Amino acid sequence: MYRDREKLVRTYEGLKNDIQTYENNLGFLNSSSKKGNSLVSEINRKIERLKADMELVQKKIAAIDEALSKE
């Protein structure tokens, strides 16, 4: 179970880094053009999806922690 937890923690950190990268990239985009605006919207959707995935991973880690504390 420790191995599963470590794998989930690595996944969580990877998602966190991806979100940070996307948010950083948003700062470089110009949303005044149609293409720029659609790209910004797409990146925002990706960020929201990653945040949802991150929340799910966080819940799985918490469940493992709870199971380990009962052992």
PDB file of N, CA and C in Angstrom:
ATOM      1  N   MET A   1       0.816  -1.192   0.000  1.00  0.00           N
ATOM      2  CA  MET A   1       0.000   0.000   0.000  1.00  0.00           C
ATOM      3  C   MET A   1       0.864   1.262   0.000  1.00  0.00           C
ATOM      4  N   TYR A   2       2.042   1.168   0.596  1.00  0.00           N
ATOM      5  CA  TYR A   2       2.940   2.322   0.601  1.00  0.00           C
ATOM      6  C   TYR A   2       3.362   2.677  -0.822  1.00  0.00           C
ATOM      7  N   ARG A   3       3.581   1.647  -1.628  1.00  0.00           N
ATOM      8  CA  ARG A   3       4.000   1.857  -3.018  1.00  0.00           C
ATOM      9  C   ARG A   3       2.890   2.566  -3.802  1.00  0.00           C
ATOM     10  N   ASP A   4       1.641   2.165  -3.565  1.00  0.00           N
ATOM     11  CA  ASP A   4       0.512   2.815  -4.232  1.00  0.00           C
ATOM     12  C   ASP A   4       0.419   4.280  -3.836  1.00  0.00           C
ATOM     13  N   ARG A   5       0.650   4.541  -2.555  1.00  0.00           N
ATOM     14  CA  ARG A   5       0.590   5.919  -2.070  1.00  0.00           C
ATOM     15  C   ARG A   5       1.676   6.763  -2.725  1.00  0.00           C
ATOM     16  N   GLU A   6       2.879   6.221  -2.793  1.00  0.00           N
ATOM     17  CA  GLU A   6       3.989   6.958  -3.408  1.00  0.00           C
ATOM     18  C   GLU A   6       3.713   7.235  -4.886  1.00  0.00           C
ATOM     19  N   LYS A   7       3.129   6.263  -5.559  1.00  0.00           N
ATOM     20  CA  LYS A   7       2.780   6.446  -6.970  1.00  0.00           C
ATOM     21  C   LYS A   7       1.752   7.568  -7.116  1.00  0.00           C
ATOM     22  N   LEU A   8       0.761   7.585  -6.236  1.00  0.00           N
ATOM     23  CA  LEU A   8      -0.259   8.630  -6.278  1.00  0.00           C
ATOM     24  C   LEU A   8       0.333   9.999  -5.958  1.00  0.00           C
ATOM     25  N   VAL A   9       1.268  10.044  -5.024  1.00  0.00           N
ATOM     26  CA  VAL A   9       1.911  11.315  -4.681  1.00  0.00           C
ATOM     27  C   VAL A   9       2.687  11.846  -5.887  1.00  0.00           C
ATOM     28  N   ARG A  10       3.386  10.956  -6.595  1.00  0.00           N
ATOM     29  CA  ARG A  10       4.111  11.380  -7.803  1.00  0.00           C
ATOM     30  C   ARG A  10       3.143  11.883  -8.873  1.00  0.00           C
ATOM     31  N   THR A  11       2.012  11.203  -9.018  1.00  0.00           N
ATOM     32  CA  THR A  11       0.988  11.633  -9.973  1.00  0.00           C
ATOM     33  C   THR A  11       0.459  13.004  -9.586  1.00  0.00           C
ATOM     34  N   TYR A  12       0.191  13.196  -8.299  1.00  0.00           N
ATOM     35  CA  TYR A  12      -0.308  14.472  -7.787  1.00  0.00           C
ATOM     36  C   TYR A  12       0.682  15.594  -8.095  1.00  0.00           C
ATOM     37  N   GLU A  13       1.954  15.350  -7.826  1.00  0.00           N
ATOM     38  CA  GLU A  13       2.979  16.365  -8.086  1.00  0.00           C
ATOM     39  C   GLU A  13       3.076  16.677  -9.580  1.00  0.00           C
ATOM     40  N   GLY A  14       2.955  15.652 -10.417  1.00  0.00           N
ATOM     41  CA  GLY A  14       2.984  15.860 -11.860  1.00  0.00           C
ATOM     42  C   GLY A  14       1.823  16.717 -12.332  1.00  0.00           C
ATOM     43  N   LEU A  15       0.632  16.440 -11.807  1.00  0.00           N
ATOM     44  CA  LEU A  15      -0.541  17.237 -12.161  1.00  0.00           C
ATOM     45  C   LEU A  15      -0.368  18.680 -11.704  1.00  0.00           C
ATOM     46  N   LYS A  16       0.178  18.838 -10.515  1.00  0.00           N
ATOM     47  CA  LYS A  16       0.411  20.174  -9.968  1.00  0.00           C
ATOM     48  C   LYS A  16       1.374  20.961 -10.864  1.00  0.00           C
ATOM     49  N   ASN A  17       2.423  20.295 -11.323  1.00  0.00           N
ATOM     50  CA  ASN A  17       3.385  20.944 -12.216  1.00  0.00           C
ATOM     51  C   ASN A  17       2.753  21.287 -13.558  1.00  0.00           C
ATOM     52  N   ASP A  18       1.911  20.396 -14.082  1.00  0.00           N
ATOM     53  CA  ASP A  18       1.227  20.664 -15.349  1.00  0.00           C
ATOM     54  C   ASP A  18       0.330  21.892 -15.231  1.00  0.00           C
ATOM     55  N   ILE A  19      -0.405  21.981 -14.131  1.00  0.00           N
ATOM     56  CA  ILE A  19      -1.282  23.133 -13.910  1.00  0.00           C
ATOM     57  C   ILE A  19      -0.461  24.408 -13.849  1.00  0.00           C
ATOM     58  N   GLN A  20       0.638  24.369 -13.127  1.00  0.00           N
ATOM     59  CA  GLN A  20       1.497  25.541 -13.006  1.00  0.00           C
ATOM     60  C   GLN A  20       2.030  25.968 -14.377  1.00  0.00           C
ATOM     61  N   THR A  21       2.407  24.996 -15.204  1.00  0.00           N
ATOM     62  CA  THR A  21       2.913  25.293 -16.542  1.00  0.00           C
ATOM     63  C   THR A  21       1.829  25.942 -17.397  1.00  0.00           C
ATOM     64  N   TYR A  22       0.626  25.361 -17.390  1.00  0.00           N
ATOM     65  CA  TYR A  22      -0.472  25.937 -18.172  1.00  0.00           C
ATOM     66  C   TYR A  22      -0.801  27.353 -17.706  1.00  0.00           C
ATOM     67  N   GLU A  23      -0.849  27.555 -16.387  1.00  0.00           N
ATOM     68  CA  GLU A  23      -1.158  28.889 -15.869  1.00  0.00           C
ATOM     69  C   GLU A  23      -0.074  29.885 -16.247  1.00  0.00           C
ATOM     70  N   ASN A  24       1.174  29.444 -16.244  1.00  0.00           N
ATOM     71  CA  ASN A  24       2.273  30.302 -16.658  1.00  0.00           C
ATOM     72  C   ASN A  24       2.143  30.649 -18.143  1.00  0.00           C
ATOM     73  N   ASN A  25       1.807  29.659 -18.961  1.00  0.00           N
ATOM     74  CA  ASN A  25       1.659  29.884 -20.395  1.00  0.00           C
ATOM     75  C   ASN A  25       0.518  30.841 -20.707  1.00  0.00           C
ATOM     76  N   LEU A  26      -0.519  30.837 -19.883  1.00  0.00           N
ATOM     77  CA  LEU A  26      -1.632  31.763 -20.097  1.00  0.00           C
ATOM     78  C   LEU A  26      -1.159  33.214 -20.061  1.00  0.00           C
ATOM     79  N   GLY A  27      -0.152  33.482 -19.260  1.00  0.00           N
ATOM     80  CA  GLY A  27       0.374  34.837 -19.150  1.00  0.00           C
ATOM     81  C   GLY A  27       1.012  35.332 -20.433  1.00  0.00           C
ATOM     82  N   PHE A  28       1.421  34.413 -21.310  1.00  0.00           N
ATOM     83  CA  PHE A  28       2.076  34.797 -22.555  1.00  0.00           C
ATOM     84  C   PHE A  28       1.116  34.915 -23.730  1.00  0.00           C
ATOM     85  N   LEU A  29      -0.120  34.492 -23.554  1.00  0.00           N
ATOM     86  CA  LEU A  29      -1.058  34.477 -24.674  1.00  0.00           C
ATOM     87  C   LEU A  29      -1.816  35.785 -24.789  1.00  0.00           C
ATOM     88  N   ASN A  30      -2.104  36.133 -26.020  1.00  0.00           N
ATOM     89  CA  ASN A  30      -2.893  37.320 -26.300  1.00  0.00           C
ATOM     90  C   ASN A  30      -4.304  36.865 -26.631  1.00  0.00           C
ATOM     91  N   SER A  31      -5.261  37.220 -25.821  1.00  0.00           N
ATOM     92  CA  SER A  31      -6.629  36.749 -26.022  1.00  0.00           C
ATOM     93  C   SER A  31      -7.466  37.718 -26.849  1.00  0.00           C
ATOM     94  N   SER A  32      -6.846  38.729 -27.454  1.00  0.00           N
ATOM     95  CA  SER A  32      -7.620  39.694 -28.225  1.00  0.00           C
ATOM     96  C   SER A  32      -8.039  39.145 -29.584  1.00  0.00           C
ATOM     97  N   SER A  33      -7.301  38.194 -30.122  1.00  0.00           N
ATOM     98  CA  SER A  33      -7.677  37.605 -31.405  1.00  0.00           C
ATOM     99  C   SER A  33      -8.583  36.402 -31.176  1.00  0.00           C
ATOM    100  N   LYS A  34      -9.304  35.990 -32.217  1.00  0.00           N
ATOM    101  CA  LYS A  34     -10.200  34.839 -32.088  1.00  0.00           C
ATOM    102  C   LYS A  34      -9.425  33.575 -31.754  1.00  0.00           C
ATOM    103  N   LYS A  35      -8.326  33.348 -32.448  1.00  0.00           N
ATOM    104  CA  LYS A  35      -7.531  32.150 -32.192  1.00  0.00           C
ATOM    105  C   LYS A  35      -6.943  32.183 -30.787  1.00  0.00           C
ATOM    106  N   GLY A  36      -6.475  33.343 -30.370  1.00  0.00           N
ATOM    107  CA  GLY A  36      -5.918  33.476 -29.024  1.00  0.00           C
ATOM    108  C   GLY A  36      -6.962  33.203 -27.966  1.00  0.00           C
ATOM    109  N   ASN A  37      -8.176  33.698 -28.200  1.00  0.00           N
ATOM    110  CA  ASN A  37      -9.255  33.505 -27.236  1.00  0.00           C
ATOM    111  C   ASN A  37      -9.651  32.035 -27.141  1.00  0.00           C
ATOM    112  N   SER A  38      -9.712  31.351 -28.285  1.00  0.00           N
ATOM    113  CA  SER A  38     -10.077  29.931 -28.237  1.00  0.00           C
ATOM    114  C   SER A  38      -8.978  29.116 -27.562  1.00  0.00           C
ATOM    115  N   LEU A  39      -7.728  29.507 -27.763  1.00  0.00           N
ATOM    116  CA  LEU A  39      -6.613  28.814 -27.121  1.00  0.00           C
ATOM    117  C   LEU A  39      -6.653  29.026 -25.609  1.00  0.00           C
ATOM    118  N   VAL A  40      -6.959  30.245 -25.187  1.00  0.00           N
ATOM    119  CA  VAL A  40      -7.076  30.541 -23.755  1.00  0.00           C
ATOM    120  C   VAL A  40      -8.202  29.708 -23.149  1.00  0.00           C
ATOM    121  N   SER A  41      -9.320  29.621 -23.857  1.00  0.00           N
ATOM    122  CA  SER A  41     -10.450  28.822 -23.361  1.00  0.00           C
ATOM    123  C   SER A  41     -10.072  27.355 -23.244  1.00  0.00           C
ATOM    124  N   GLU A  42      -9.357  26.849 -24.247  1.00  0.00           N
ATOM    125  CA  GLU A  42      -8.935  25.448 -24.224  1.00  0.00           C
ATOM    126  C   GLU A  42      -7.992  25.183 -23.051  1.00  0.00           C
ATOM    127  N   ILE A  43      -7.059  26.076 -22.824  1.00  0.00           N
ATOM    128  CA  ILE A  43      -6.118  25.909 -21.714  1.00  0.00           C
ATOM    129  C   ILE A  43      -6.855  25.972 -20.379  1.00  0.00           C
ATOM    130  N   ASN A  44      -7.825  26.881 -20.268  1.00  0.00           N
ATOM    131  CA  ASN A  44      -8.605  26.959 -19.031  1.00  0.00           C
ATOM    132  C   ASN A  44      -9.376  25.668 -18.777  1.00  0.00           C
ATOM    133  N   ARG A  45      -9.915  25.058 -19.836  1.00  0.00           N
ATOM    134  CA  ARG A  45     -10.617  23.773 -19.681  1.00  0.00           C
ATOM    135  C   ARG A  45      -9.642  22.691 -19.223  1.00  0.00           C
ATOM    136  N   LYS A  46      -8.445  22.682 -19.803  1.00  0.00           N
ATOM    137  CA  LYS A  46      -7.439  21.693 -19.403  1.00  0.00           C
ATOM    138  C   LYS A  46      -7.058  21.874 -17.940  1.00  0.00           C
ATOM    139  N   ILE A  47      -6.906  23.121 -17.521  1.00  0.00           N
ATOM    140  CA  ILE A  47      -6.555  23.403 -16.127  1.00  0.00           C
ATOM    141  C   ILE A  47      -7.649  22.883 -15.195  1.00  0.00           C
ATOM    142  N   GLU A  48      -8.905  23.138 -15.543  1.00  0.00           N
ATOM    143  CA  GLU A  48     -10.011  22.671 -14.702  1.00  0.00           C
ATOM    144  C   GLU A  48     -10.048  21.145 -14.642  1.00  0.00           C
ATOM    145  N   ARG A  49      -9.797  20.482 -15.767  1.00  0.00           N
ATOM    146  CA  ARG A  49      -9.772  19.018 -15.804  1.00  0.00           C
ATOM    147  C   ARG A  49      -8.640  18.486 -14.927  1.00  0.00           C
ATOM    148  N   LEU A  50      -7.471  19.124 -15.020  1.00  0.00           N
ATOM    149  CA  LEU A  50      -6.331  18.695 -14.210  1.00  0.00           C
ATOM    150  C   LEU A  50      -6.600  18.901 -12.722  1.00  0.00           C
ATOM    151  N   LYS A  51      -7.271  20.007 -12.386  1.00  0.00           N
ATOM    152  CA  LYS A  51      -7.602  20.261 -10.981  1.00  0.00           C
ATOM    153  C   LYS A  51      -8.566  19.203 -10.450  1.00  0.00           C
ATOM    154  N   ALA A  52      -9.516  18.791 -11.293  1.00  0.00           N
ATOM    155  CA  ALA A  52     -10.451  17.737 -10.885  1.00  0.00           C
ATOM    156  C   ALA A  52      -9.700  16.417 -10.686  1.00  0.00           C
ATOM    157  N   ASP A  53      -8.782  16.113 -11.602  1.00  0.00           N
ATOM    158  CA  ASP A  53      -7.966  14.898 -11.466  1.00  0.00           C
ATOM    159  C   ASP A  53      -7.127  14.957 -10.196  1.00  0.00           C
ATOM    160  N   MET A  54      -6.579  16.139  -9.918  1.00  0.00           N
ATOM    161  CA  MET A  54      -5.742  16.323  -8.741  1.00  0.00           C
ATOM    162  C   MET A  54      -6.553  16.092  -7.459  1.00  0.00           C
ATOM    163  N   GLU A  55      -7.784  16.577  -7.456  1.00  0.00           N
ATOM    164  CA  GLU A  55      -8.653  16.397  -6.294  1.00  0.00           C
ATOM    165  C   GLU A  55      -8.955  14.911  -6.073  1.00  0.00           C
ATOM    166  N   LEU A  56      -9.186  14.185  -7.163  1.00  0.00           N
ATOM    167  CA  LEU A  56      -9.449  12.753  -7.062  1.00  0.00           C
ATOM    168  C   LEU A  56      -8.232  12.014  -6.507  1.00  0.00           C
ATOM    169  N   VAL A  57      -7.056  12.358  -6.991  1.00  0.00           N
ATOM    170  CA  VAL A  57      -5.820  11.731  -6.508  1.00  0.00           C
ATOM    171  C   VAL A  57      -5.631  12.042  -5.025  1.00  0.00           C
ATOM    172  N   GLN A  58      -5.931  13.280  -4.654  1.00  0.00           N
ATOM    173  CA  GLN A  58      -5.794  13.688  -3.255  1.00  0.00           C
ATOM    174  C   GLN A  58      -6.724  12.854  -2.360  1.00  0.00           C
ATOM    175  N   LYS A  59      -7.937  12.590  -2.835  1.00  0.00           N
ATOM    176  CA  LYS A  59      -8.882  11.774  -2.062  1.00  0.00           C
ATOM    177  C   LYS A  59      -8.382  10.338  -1.936  1.00  0.00           C
ATOM    178  N   LYS A  60      -7.790   9.815  -3.007  1.00  0.00           N
ATOM    179  CA  LYS A  60      -7.242   8.456  -2.961  1.00  0.00           C
ATOM    180  C   LYS A  60      -6.093   8.370  -1.961  1.00  0.00           C
ATOM    181  N   ILE A  61      -5.243   9.393  -1.943  1.00  0.00           N
ATOM    182  CA  ILE A  61      -4.130   9.429  -0.985  1.00  0.00           C
ATOM    183  C   ILE A  61      -4.677   9.459   0.443  1.00  0.00           C
ATOM    184  N   ALA A  62      -5.704  10.274   0.663  1.00  0.00           N
ATOM    185  CA  ALA A  62      -6.303  10.365   1.996  1.00  0.00           C
ATOM    186  C   ALA A  62      -6.901   9.026   2.420  1.00  0.00           C
ATOM    187  N   ALA A  63      -7.522   8.316   1.485  1.00  0.00           N
ATOM    188  CA  ALA A  63      -8.103   7.008   1.802  1.00  0.00           C
ATOM    189  C   ALA A  63      -7.012   6.009   2.178  1.00  0.00           C
ATOM    190  N   ILE A  64      -5.907   6.039   1.454  1.00  0.00           N
ATOM    191  CA  ILE A  64      -4.787   5.147   1.775  1.00  0.00           C
ATOM    192  C   ILE A  64      -4.204   5.505   3.136  1.00  0.00           C
ATOM    193  N   ASP A  65      -4.051   6.804   3.398  1.00  0.00           N
ATOM    194  CA  ASP A  65      -3.527   7.238   4.698  1.00  0.00           C
ATOM    195  C   ASP A  65      -4.419   6.745   5.835  1.00  0.00           C
ATOM    196  N   GLU A  66      -5.722   6.827   5.625  1.00  0.00           N
ATOM    197  CA  GLU A  66      -6.662   6.377   6.650  1.00  0.00           C
ATOM    198  C   GLU A  66      -6.542   4.866   6.866  1.00  0.00           C
ATOM    199  N   ALA A  67      -6.423   4.130   5.776  1.00  0.00           N
ATOM    200  CA  ALA A  67      -6.280   2.670   5.883  1.00  0.00           C
ATOM    201  C   ALA A  67      -4.974   2.306   6.582  1.00  0.00           C
ATOM    202  N   LEU A  68      -3.913   3.034   6.277  1.00  0.00           N
ATOM    203  CA  LEU A  68      -2.619   2.756   6.904  1.00  0.00           C
ATOM    204  C   LEU A  68      -2.626   3.092   8.390  1.00  0.00           C
ATOM    205  N   SER A  69      -3.363   4.131   8.766  1.00  0.00           N
ATOM    206  CA  SER A  69      -3.397   4.517  10.178  1.00  0.00           C
ATOM    207  C   SER A  69      -4.178   3.504  11.018  1.00  0.00           C
ATOM    208  N   LYS A  70      -5.062   2.746  10.373  1.00  0.00           N
ATOM    209  CA  LYS A  70      -5.848   1.735  11.096  1.00  0.00           C
ATOM    210  C   LYS A  70      -5.078   0.434  11.280  1.00  0.00           C
ATOM    211  N   GLU A  71      -3.999   0.273  10.523  1.00  0.00           N
ATOM    212  CA  GLU A  71      -3.215  -0.968  10.621  1.00  0.00           C
ATOM    213  C   GLU A  71      -2.391  -1.010  11.876  1.00  0.00           C
TER     214      GLU A  71
END
